[in-house]
Amino acid sequence: MSLFNVFNVSGSALNAETIRLNTTASNLANAESVNGDPTRIYRARHPVFQSLMNTAGIGAEDSGAAVGVRVLGVVESQTPPLARYQPDNPAANKDGYVYASNVNAIEEMTNMISANRSFATNVEAINTARDLLLKTIAMGH
């Protein structure tokens, strides 16, 4: 793998982690939302990633090498919302129930920490590749 490919791989990973952080922020912002209709309540969303591999077979050493990350999409959690009996809530249905979002704040905070660390690691990989390229260029002078 060329040293220049590090920028493409890490760049695509930074894009994927940005989507992950934005999705997590959206989940946390809606964690306490309630609605009287269980079909209209906010459900947790999670991005789905796919690693992209080099299948061109240009060289034996490059075959199967990673070339980046792609976001396939964002899926909605199928975990049912939580029913709460709160007849005094203005959003309550005729039976006095409100449905709370299925967002797990602890899981979302863990996702945020993980995405933050992955983001930082990819920035460090880009900086290291840049430094190596600069030192290689300096050796030629």
Protein backbone atom coordinates (compact mmCIF):
# COMPACT_ATOMS: atom_id res chain seq x y z
CA MET A 1 0.00 0.00 0.00
CA SER A 2 1.32 3.41 -0.94
CA LEU A 3 1.87 5.90 1.83
CA PHE A 4 -0.51 8.21 -0.01
CA ASN A 5 -3.34 5.66 0.46
CA VAL A 6 -3.20 6.32 4.21
CA PHE A 7 -4.84 9.67 3.54
CA ASN A 8 -7.72 8.05 1.62
CA VAL A 9 -8.28 5.29 4.18
CA SER A 10 -8.12 7.60 7.19
CA GLY A 11 -10.15 10.27 5.42
CA SER A 12 -13.00 7.85 4.75
CA ALA A 13 -12.80 6.66 8.37
CA LEU A 14 -13.00 10.28 9.58
CA ASN A 15 -16.11 10.77 7.47
CA ALA A 16 -17.67 7.58 8.90
CA GLU A 17 -16.87 8.57 12.48
CA THR A 18 -18.35 12.03 11.89
CA ILE A 19 -21.61 10.38 10.84
CA ARG A 20 -21.41 8.13 13.90
CA LEU A 21 -20.90 11.14 16.20
CA ASN A 22 -23.77 13.06 14.58
CA THR A 23 -26.09 10.06 14.92
CA THR A 24 -25.10 9.60 18.56
CA ALA A 25 -25.70 13.29 19.26
CA SER A 26 -29.15 13.02 17.68
CA ASN A 27 -29.93 9.96 19.78
CA LEU A 28 -28.87 11.70 22.98
CA ALA A 29 -30.86 14.81 22.10
CA ASN A 30 -34.00 12.69 21.73
CA ALA A 31 -33.36 10.26 24.61
CA GLU A 32 -36.05 11.75 26.85
CA SER A 33 -38.70 12.31 24.20
CA VAL A 34 -42.18 10.89 24.81
CA ASN A 35 -45.31 10.50 22.71
CA GLY A 36 -48.75 9.00 23.23
CA ASP A 37 -48.41 6.98 20.02
CA PRO A 38 -45.75 4.22 20.07
CA THR A 39 -45.37 4.41 16.27
CA ARG A 40 -44.44 8.11 16.37
CA ILE A 41 -41.79 8.02 19.10
CA TYR A 42 -38.13 8.63 18.29
CA ARG A 43 -36.17 5.39 17.95
CA ALA A 44 -32.40 5.11 18.34
CA ARG A 45 -30.47 5.21 15.09
CA HIS A 46 -27.10 3.62 14.33
CA PRO A 47 -24.86 3.89 11.26
CA VAL A 48 -23.78 0.73 9.46
CA PHE A 49 -20.20 0.67 8.15
CA GLN A 50 -18.54 -1.47 5.52
CA SER A 51 -14.81 -1.81 5.00
CA LEU A 52 -13.75 -1.41 1.40
CA MET A 53 -11.08 -3.77 0.16
CA ASN A 54 -8.87 -3.58 -2.92
CA THR A 55 -10.02 -6.40 -5.17
CA ALA A 56 -8.35 -5.12 -8.33
CA GLY A 57 -5.45 -7.52 -7.87
CA ILE A 58 -2.90 -4.99 -9.10
CA GLY A 59 -0.16 -6.66 -7.14
CA ALA A 60 0.01 -9.61 -4.80
CA GLU A 61 0.97 -7.32 -1.92
CA ASP A 62 -2.02 -5.04 -2.57
CA SER A 63 -4.62 -7.78 -2.98
CA GLY A 64 -7.20 -7.51 -0.23
CA ALA A 65 -5.67 -4.36 1.23
CA ALA A 66 -8.02 -1.95 2.93
CA VAL A 67 -8.93 1.11 0.89
CA GLY A 68 -11.44 2.78 3.19
CA VAL A 69 -14.74 2.76 5.00
CA ARG A 70 -18.17 3.33 3.53
CA VAL A 71 -21.35 4.16 5.40
CA LEU A 72 -24.03 1.82 4.07
CA GLY A 73 -26.77 3.71 5.85
CA VAL A 74 -28.38 4.43 9.18
CA VAL A 75 -30.70 1.84 10.70
CA GLU A 76 -33.40 2.43 13.26
CA SER A 77 -33.48 0.29 16.40
CA GLN A 78 -36.27 -2.28 16.56
CA THR A 79 -36.32 -2.33 20.37
CA PRO A 80 -39.86 -1.41 21.45
CA PRO A 81 -40.41 1.94 23.17
CA LEU A 82 -40.94 1.99 26.92
CA ALA A 83 -44.55 2.45 28.08
CA ARG A 84 -45.00 4.70 31.12
CA TYR A 85 -48.22 5.36 32.96
CA GLN A 86 -48.40 9.16 33.21
CA PRO A 87 -52.03 10.24 32.90
CA ASP A 88 -51.12 13.86 33.79
CA ASN A 89 -48.70 14.16 30.85
CA PRO A 90 -50.20 16.20 28.00
CA ALA A 91 -48.79 13.69 25.49
CA ALA A 92 -50.52 10.72 27.19
CA ASN A 93 -52.91 8.60 25.15
CA LYS A 94 -56.54 7.91 26.21
CA ASP A 95 -55.34 5.16 28.60
CA GLY A 96 -52.86 7.51 30.32
CA TYR A 97 -49.70 6.04 28.79
CA VAL A 98 -46.81 7.79 27.14
CA TYR A 99 -44.13 5.96 25.21
CA ALA A 100 -40.52 6.85 25.79
CA SER A 101 -37.70 6.63 23.28
CA ASN A 102 -35.66 3.41 23.25
CA VAL A 103 -32.37 5.34 23.36
CA ASN A 104 -29.95 3.91 25.93
CA ALA A 105 -27.94 6.92 27.14
CA ILE A 106 -25.11 4.77 28.53
CA GLU A 107 -24.73 2.92 25.24
CA GLU A 108 -24.76 6.23 23.37
CA MET A 109 -22.09 7.74 25.62
CA THR A 110 -19.96 4.64 25.03
CA ASN A 111 -20.45 5.05 21.27
CA MET A 112 -19.45 8.71 21.55
CA ILE A 113 -16.24 7.88 23.43
CA SER A 114 -15.39 5.12 20.95
CA ALA A 115 -16.06 7.35 17.93
CA ASN A 116 -14.01 10.15 19.48
CA ARG A 117 -11.05 7.83 20.02
CA SER A 118 -11.33 6.39 16.51
CA PHE A 119 -11.46 9.91 15.11
CA ALA A 120 -8.34 10.91 17.07
CA THR A 121 -6.51 7.75 15.98
CA ASN A 122 -7.20 8.47 12.32
CA VAL A 123 -6.06 12.08 12.68
CA GLU A 124 -2.85 10.77 14.25
CA ALA A 125 -2.37 8.31 11.35
CA ILE A 126 -2.74 11.17 8.86
CA ASN A 127 -0.27 13.32 10.79
CA THR A 128 2.24 10.44 10.98
CA ALA A 129 1.96 9.75 7.23
CA ARG A 130 2.42 13.47 6.52
CA ASP A 131 5.52 13.59 8.75
CA LEU A 132 6.98 10.51 7.03
CA LEU A 133 6.42 12.02 3.61
CA LEU A 134 8.03 15.30 4.68
CA LYS A 135 11.06 13.46 6.09
CA THR A 136 11.36 11.42 2.88
CA ILE A 137 11.32 14.62 0.83
CA ALA A 138 13.90 16.22 3.15
CA MET A 139 16.23 13.23 2.66
CA GLY A 140 16.39 14.00 -1.06
CA HIS A 141 17.94 17.42 -0.51
